[in-house]
Amino acid sequence: MSPPVKGVLMDIVQQFNALIWSWAETLRALRRRVGVRPLLIYASVQLVVLVMLALFAYPPFVSFVMPLIRWRLGEAALHYPGSFLALRAIFGQVDMVLTVVLGGFVTGAAVWSFSSYYGGGEDPPAAGFRAAARRYIPVLIIALVGLVVAQIVTRVPMELWGHLADERPMRFRLLRMMTIGAVMAVQALLVYAIPYVILGGRRVWSALGASVSLAVRNPVTTYLIVAVPAALELLPAWLARNSTVITYRFAPEGLVVMLAVWVAVIFFVTYLMVGAATRFYIYATQDDAEVGDAAEV
């Protein structure tokens, strides 16, 4: 598949062309396992955390995981079957910490690997880890900014209109859908920030501003790069919201399997997102550079 026709602000057809081309290049990279190792490390850490939380009452985890659960969720969270509901809650809290501490780092390493592959080379994974380590603080700050903004977008509407869940269920469902769409929009606006740091050498706020600018200039490509893979999360997310029903009507242990499946889904979603965003970032920034060179002439 040939790359789309370039332009500083592409029209709708060109943006769809760029989207399909970016996904095709990402799937081609997946066949070569480009960028898999960094994201697989993150997924492996998630699974280790999940096992530790599921086996919190057994050595050696009882000495440090049980106090953590008691501190965060109280004594009742340590008793069966409520402990499995606590498992989902505490796993979500730990995963938010991982998103900041580890998520930006592995994304940066994957971006470097994708960039090398798209450029015709294929650096070893260690090169991506070194590049991400050199820019660890900037990518950590970007991951933190993305998490904080997404939490605000998610929690503020629930605090203001959460009562609609009992009073007007249909409006509450609409509110939830709008909230999910808004979170995806936030992710789309910031999706190029880490590529700007790792590949463009930008500082944090410059990278954030440039990412927003690139996303606004190419809204169709950028939003769908995030939204289409994220749609794969809808079923695991629905199961998570109904974890109480699963716990008390079926086998509570099924929540562990559900969360393991969620980890696998997130791995694939993140791969598609990072790979396609990196491909489009390289294409779009090369285009901007060419426009700048032409202006100088």
Protein backbone atom coordinates (compact mmCIF):
# COMPACT_ATOMS: atom_id res chain seq x y z
CA MET A 1 0.00 0.00 0.00
CA SER A 2 1.38 3.39 -0.99
CA PRO A 3 1.43 6.30 1.49
CA PRO A 4 -1.29 8.94 1.26
CA VAL A 5 -0.87 12.22 -0.57
CA LYS A 6 0.76 14.73 1.76
CA GLY A 7 -0.66 18.02 2.91
CA VAL A 8 -0.35 20.14 6.05
CA LEU A 9 -4.09 19.76 6.63
CA MET A 10 -5.40 16.67 4.88
CA ASP A 11 -9.00 16.37 3.74
CA ILE A 12 -11.31 13.61 5.00
CA VAL A 13 -10.47 11.11 2.23
CA GLN A 14 -6.74 11.60 2.70
CA GLN A 15 -7.09 11.21 6.45
CA PHE A 16 -8.88 7.87 6.03
CA ASN A 17 -6.18 6.85 3.56
CA ALA A 18 -3.50 7.79 6.10
CA LEU A 19 -5.35 5.85 8.81
CA ILE A 20 -5.58 2.63 6.79
CA TRP A 21 -1.97 2.98 5.63
CA SER A 22 -0.77 3.47 9.24
CA TRP A 23 -2.66 0.38 10.41
CA ALA A 24 -1.33 -1.67 7.48
CA GLU A 25 2.22 -0.66 8.36
CA THR A 26 1.58 -1.50 12.03
CA LEU A 27 0.26 -4.97 11.22
CA ARG A 28 3.27 -5.51 8.97
CA ALA A 29 5.46 -4.58 11.94
CA LEU A 30 3.54 -6.99 14.16
CA ARG A 31 4.42 -9.87 11.85
CA ARG A 32 8.07 -8.99 12.51
CA ARG A 33 7.35 -8.63 16.26
CA VAL A 34 8.60 -5.03 16.16
CA GLY A 35 7.91 -3.22 19.44
CA VAL A 36 6.45 -6.34 21.05
CA ARG A 37 9.07 -6.79 23.77
CA PRO A 38 8.58 -3.45 25.63
CA LEU A 39 4.79 -3.78 25.69
CA LEU A 40 5.07 -7.46 26.63
CA ILE A 41 7.17 -6.47 29.64
CA TYR A 42 4.38 -4.17 30.78
CA ALA A 43 1.74 -6.88 30.30
CA SER A 44 3.93 -9.36 32.20
CA VAL A 45 4.23 -6.97 35.14
CA GLN A 46 0.45 -6.56 35.12
CA LEU A 47 -0.01 -10.34 35.26
CA VAL A 48 2.51 -10.68 38.10
CA VAL A 49 0.58 -8.02 40.05
CA LEU A 50 -2.67 -9.85 39.32
CA VAL A 51 -1.28 -13.14 40.62
CA MET A 52 0.08 -11.45 43.75
CA LEU A 53 -3.29 -9.87 44.48
CA ALA A 54 -5.20 -13.10 43.80
CA LEU A 55 -2.90 -15.06 46.12
CA PHE A 56 -2.58 -12.35 48.78
CA ALA A 57 -3.39 -14.81 51.60
CA TYR A 58 -0.51 -17.14 50.73
CA PRO A 59 3.25 -16.83 51.33
CA PRO A 60 5.22 -14.88 50.34
CA PHE A 61 2.55 -12.32 49.37
CA VAL A 62 0.71 -12.35 52.68
CA SER A 63 3.43 -10.30 54.34
CA PHE A 64 3.09 -7.24 52.09
CA VAL A 65 0.07 -7.59 49.79
CA MET A 66 -2.45 -8.20 52.56
CA PRO A 67 -1.47 -5.03 54.47
CA LEU A 68 -1.70 -3.08 51.20
CA ILE A 69 -5.26 -4.29 50.57
CA ARG A 70 -6.26 -3.65 54.18
CA TRP A 71 -4.83 -0.12 53.99
CA ARG A 72 -6.55 0.75 50.71
CA LEU A 73 -9.92 -1.01 51.06
CA GLY A 74 -10.37 -2.05 54.68
CA GLU A 75 -10.65 -5.34 56.56
CA ALA A 76 -13.78 -6.48 54.71
CA ALA A 77 -11.78 -6.65 51.45
CA LEU A 78 -9.78 -9.57 52.87
CA HIS A 79 -12.73 -11.97 53.17
CA TYR A 80 -14.15 -14.30 50.50
CA PRO A 81 -15.96 -13.60 48.13
CA GLY A 82 -15.67 -9.85 48.60
CA SER A 83 -11.92 -10.20 48.27
CA PHE A 84 -12.40 -10.73 44.52
CA LEU A 85 -14.29 -7.45 44.20
CA ALA A 86 -11.42 -5.86 46.09
CA LEU A 87 -9.05 -7.55 43.65
CA ARG A 88 -10.54 -5.61 40.75
CA ALA A 89 -10.44 -2.32 42.65
CA ILE A 90 -6.89 -2.63 43.96
CA PHE A 91 -5.64 -3.93 40.59
CA GLY A 92 -7.04 -0.80 38.94
CA GLN A 93 -5.29 1.42 41.48
CA VAL A 94 -1.95 -0.37 41.09
CA ASP A 95 -2.31 -0.24 37.30
CA MET A 96 -2.67 3.56 37.43
CA VAL A 97 0.69 3.70 39.20
CA LEU A 98 2.19 1.35 36.59
CA THR A 99 0.80 3.55 33.81
CA VAL A 100 2.91 6.45 35.06
CA VAL A 101 6.01 4.67 36.35
CA LEU A 102 6.36 2.06 33.60
CA GLY A 103 3.82 2.85 30.89
CA GLY A 104 5.55 5.91 29.44
CA PHE A 105 8.91 4.12 29.47
CA VAL A 106 7.76 1.03 27.54
CA THR A 107 5.78 3.22 25.13
CA GLY A 108 8.91 5.25 24.45
CA ALA A 109 10.93 2.08 23.83
CA ALA A 110 8.23 0.78 21.46
CA VAL A 111 8.11 4.11 19.60
CA TRP A 112 11.86 3.90 19.00
CA SER A 113 11.56 0.33 17.71
CA PHE A 114 8.67 1.22 15.39
CA SER A 115 10.56 4.26 14.10
CA SER A 116 13.63 2.18 13.32
CA TYR A 117 11.53 -0.39 11.46
CA TYR A 118 9.56 2.19 9.49
CA GLY A 119 12.83 3.87 8.55
CA GLY A 120 14.13 0.69 6.94
CA GLY A 121 16.33 -0.48 9.81
CA GLU A 122 15.64 -2.71 12.76
CA ASP A 123 17.45 -1.69 15.91
CA PRO A 124 17.66 -4.31 18.67
CA PRO A 125 15.14 -3.82 21.52
CA ALA A 126 17.98 -2.68 23.79
CA ALA A 127 18.35 0.46 21.66
CA GLY A 128 14.72 1.35 22.32
CA PHE A 129 15.15 0.82 26.05
CA ARG A 130 18.24 3.04 26.07
CA ALA A 131 16.41 5.78 24.17
CA ALA A 132 13.46 5.62 26.58
CA ALA A 133 15.78 5.59 29.61
CA ARG A 134 17.50 8.77 28.41
CA ARG A 135 14.10 10.52 28.22
CA TYR A 136 12.50 8.77 31.18
CA ILE A 137 11.48 11.87 33.16
CA PRO A 138 9.75 13.60 30.20
CA VAL A 139 7.80 10.47 29.22
CA LEU A 140 6.88 9.88 32.87
CA ILE A 141 5.50 13.43 33.12
CA ILE A 142 3.55 12.98 29.88
CA ALA A 143 2.07 9.71 31.15
CA LEU A 144 1.13 11.46 34.40
CA VAL A 145 -0.50 14.37 32.58
CA GLY A 146 -2.50 11.98 30.40
CA LEU A 147 -3.66 9.98 33.43
CA VAL A 148 -4.65 13.06 35.45
CA VAL A 149 -6.60 14.66 32.60
CA ALA A 150 -8.36 11.37 31.78
CA GLN A 151 -9.29 10.92 35.46
CA ILE A 152 -10.72 14.44 35.61
CA VAL A 153 -12.74 13.90 32.43
CA THR A 154 -14.04 10.61 33.83
CA ARG A 155 -14.72 11.50 37.45
CA VAL A 156 -16.10 15.04 37.31
CA PRO A 157 -19.21 14.12 35.26
CA MET A 158 -19.83 11.12 37.55
CA GLU A 159 -19.62 13.35 40.63
CA LEU A 160 -21.98 15.92 39.12
CA TRP A 161 -24.51 13.63 37.47
CA GLY A 162 -23.89 10.20 38.96
CA HIS A 163 -27.34 10.30 40.59
CA LEU A 164 -28.83 9.73 37.13
CA ALA A 165 -27.88 6.04 37.45
CA ASP A 166 -30.92 5.52 39.72
CA GLU A 167 -33.18 8.34 38.55
CA ARG A 168 -32.78 8.23 34.77
CA PRO A 169 -30.80 5.15 33.66
CA MET A 170 -30.95 5.98 29.94
CA ARG A 171 -29.46 9.42 30.48
CA PHE A 172 -26.80 7.89 32.70
CA ARG A 173 -25.85 5.45 29.92
CA LEU A 174 -25.65 8.37 27.50
CA LEU A 175 -23.46 10.24 29.99
CA ARG A 176 -21.17 7.22 30.30
CA MET A 177 -20.86 6.94 26.51
CA MET A 178 -20.05 10.65 26.23
CA THR A 179 -17.45 10.27 28.98
CA ILE A 180 -15.80 7.36 27.16
CA GLY A 181 -15.72 9.42 23.96
CA ALA A 182 -14.19 12.37 25.83
CA VAL A 183 -11.46 10.15 27.34
CA MET A 184 -10.63 8.85 23.86
CA ALA A 185 -10.43 12.46 22.65
CA VAL A 186 -7.94 13.25 25.43
CA GLN A 187 -5.86 10.22 24.47
CA ALA A 188 -5.98 11.28 20.83
CA LEU A 189 -4.79 14.80 21.60
CA LEU A 190 -1.78 13.46 23.53
CA VAL A 191 -1.00 10.36 21.43
CA TYR A 192 1.92 12.00 19.59
CA ALA A 193 3.54 13.52 22.71
CA ILE A 194 5.87 10.60 23.45
CA PRO A 195 6.97 10.29 19.78
CA TYR A 196 7.75 14.03 19.87
CA VAL A 197 9.92 13.45 22.98
CA ILE A 198 11.63 10.23 21.86
CA LEU A 199 12.06 10.96 18.15
CA GLY A 200 11.82 14.75 18.01
CA GLY A 201 13.80 15.56 21.14
CA ARG A 202 11.11 17.96 22.38
CA ARG A 203 10.71 19.07 25.98
CA VAL A 204 7.56 18.05 27.84
CA TRP A 205 5.33 21.06 27.27
CA SER A 206 6.56 21.55 23.72
CA ALA A 207 5.79 17.89 22.98
CA LEU A 208 2.32 18.18 24.50
CA GLY A 209 1.55 21.31 22.50
CA ALA A 210 2.90 19.82 19.28
CA SER A 211 0.85 16.65 19.83
CA VAL A 212 -2.34 18.64 20.30
CA SER A 213 -1.55 20.72 17.21
CA LEU A 214 -0.90 17.66 15.03
CA ALA A 215 -4.06 15.95 16.31
CA VAL A 216 -6.22 19.03 15.66
CA ARG A 217 -4.84 19.34 12.11
CA ASN A 218 -5.65 15.68 11.42
CA PRO A 219 -8.67 14.89 13.62
CA VAL A 220 -10.11 11.95 11.69
CA THR A 221 -6.88 9.96 11.46
CA THR A 222 -5.86 10.74 15.02
CA TYR A 223 -9.18 10.05 16.73
CA LEU A 224 -9.68 6.75 14.90
CA ILE A 225 -6.10 5.65 15.63
CA VAL A 226 -7.17 5.74 19.28
CA ALA A 227 -10.89 4.97 19.15
CA VAL A 228 -11.00 1.91 16.91
CA PRO A 229 -8.50 -0.19 18.89
CA ALA A 230 -10.02 1.08 22.13
CA ALA A 231 -13.36 -0.40 21.05
CA LEU A 232 -11.80 -3.80 21.75
CA GLU A 233 -11.85 -2.85 25.43
CA LEU A 234 -15.62 -2.43 25.58
CA LEU A 235 -16.46 -6.07 26.41
CA PRO A 236 -13.82 -6.44 29.17
CA ALA A 237 -14.87 -3.02 30.51
CA TRP A 238 -18.53 -4.09 30.58
CA LEU A 239 -17.60 -7.28 32.43
CA ALA A 240 -15.58 -5.24 34.92
CA ARG A 241 -18.55 -2.94 35.60
CA ASN A 242 -20.65 -6.04 36.27
CA SER A 243 -18.06 -7.76 38.44
CA THR A 244 -20.44 -7.81 41.42
CA VAL A 245 -22.90 -9.94 39.44
CA ILE A 246 -20.10 -12.24 38.31
CA THR A 247 -18.85 -12.59 41.88
CA TYR A 248 -22.16 -13.41 43.56
CA ARG A 249 -23.99 -15.28 40.80
CA PHE A 250 -21.12 -17.19 39.24
CA ALA A 251 -17.64 -18.22 40.33
CA PRO A 252 -15.79 -15.30 41.98
CA GLU A 253 -12.52 -16.77 40.69
CA GLY A 254 -13.75 -15.93 37.19
CA LEU A 255 -12.77 -12.32 37.86
CA VAL A 256 -9.11 -13.34 37.80
CA VAL A 257 -9.56 -14.86 34.34
CA MET A 258 -11.50 -11.78 33.23
CA LEU A 259 -8.71 -9.45 34.34
CA ALA A 260 -6.09 -11.65 32.64
CA VAL A 261 -8.08 -11.40 29.39
CA TRP A 262 -8.29 -7.64 29.91
CA VAL A 263 -4.48 -7.47 30.18
CA ALA A 264 -4.15 -9.34 26.87
CA VAL A 265 -6.66 -7.02 25.19
CA ILE A 266 -4.87 -3.93 26.50
CA PHE A 267 -1.59 -5.26 25.12
CA PHE A 268 -3.04 -5.59 21.61
CA VAL A 269 -4.89 -2.25 21.82
CA THR A 270 -1.74 -0.44 22.93
CA TYR A 271 0.31 -2.09 20.20
CA LEU A 272 -2.08 -0.94 17.47
CA MET A 273 -2.30 2.54 18.96
CA VAL A 274 1.43 3.12 19.43
CA GLY A 275 2.40 1.54 16.11
CA ALA A 276 -0.11 3.51 14.05
CA ALA A 277 0.50 6.78 15.92
CA THR A 278 4.27 6.44 15.40
CA ARG A 279 3.82 5.68 11.70
CA PHE A 280 1.55 8.70 11.20
CA TYR A 281 3.77 10.95 13.34
CA ILE A 282 6.79 10.15 11.14
CA TYR A 283 4.79 10.76 7.98
CA ALA A 284 3.24 14.02 9.23
CA THR A 285 6.41 15.53 10.71
CA GLN A 286 8.37 14.74 7.55
CA ASP A 287 5.63 16.58 5.70
CA ASP A 288 5.93 19.58 8.04
CA ALA A 289 9.71 19.61 7.54
CA GLU A 290 9.28 19.62 3.77
CA VAL A 291 6.81 22.50 4.02
CA GLY A 292 9.28 24.42 6.19
CA ASP A 293 12.11 23.81 3.74
CA ALA A 294 9.93 24.99 0.85
CA ALA A 295 9.03 28.17 2.76
CA GLU A 296 12.74 28.93 3.34
CA VAL A 297 13.46 28.57 -0.37
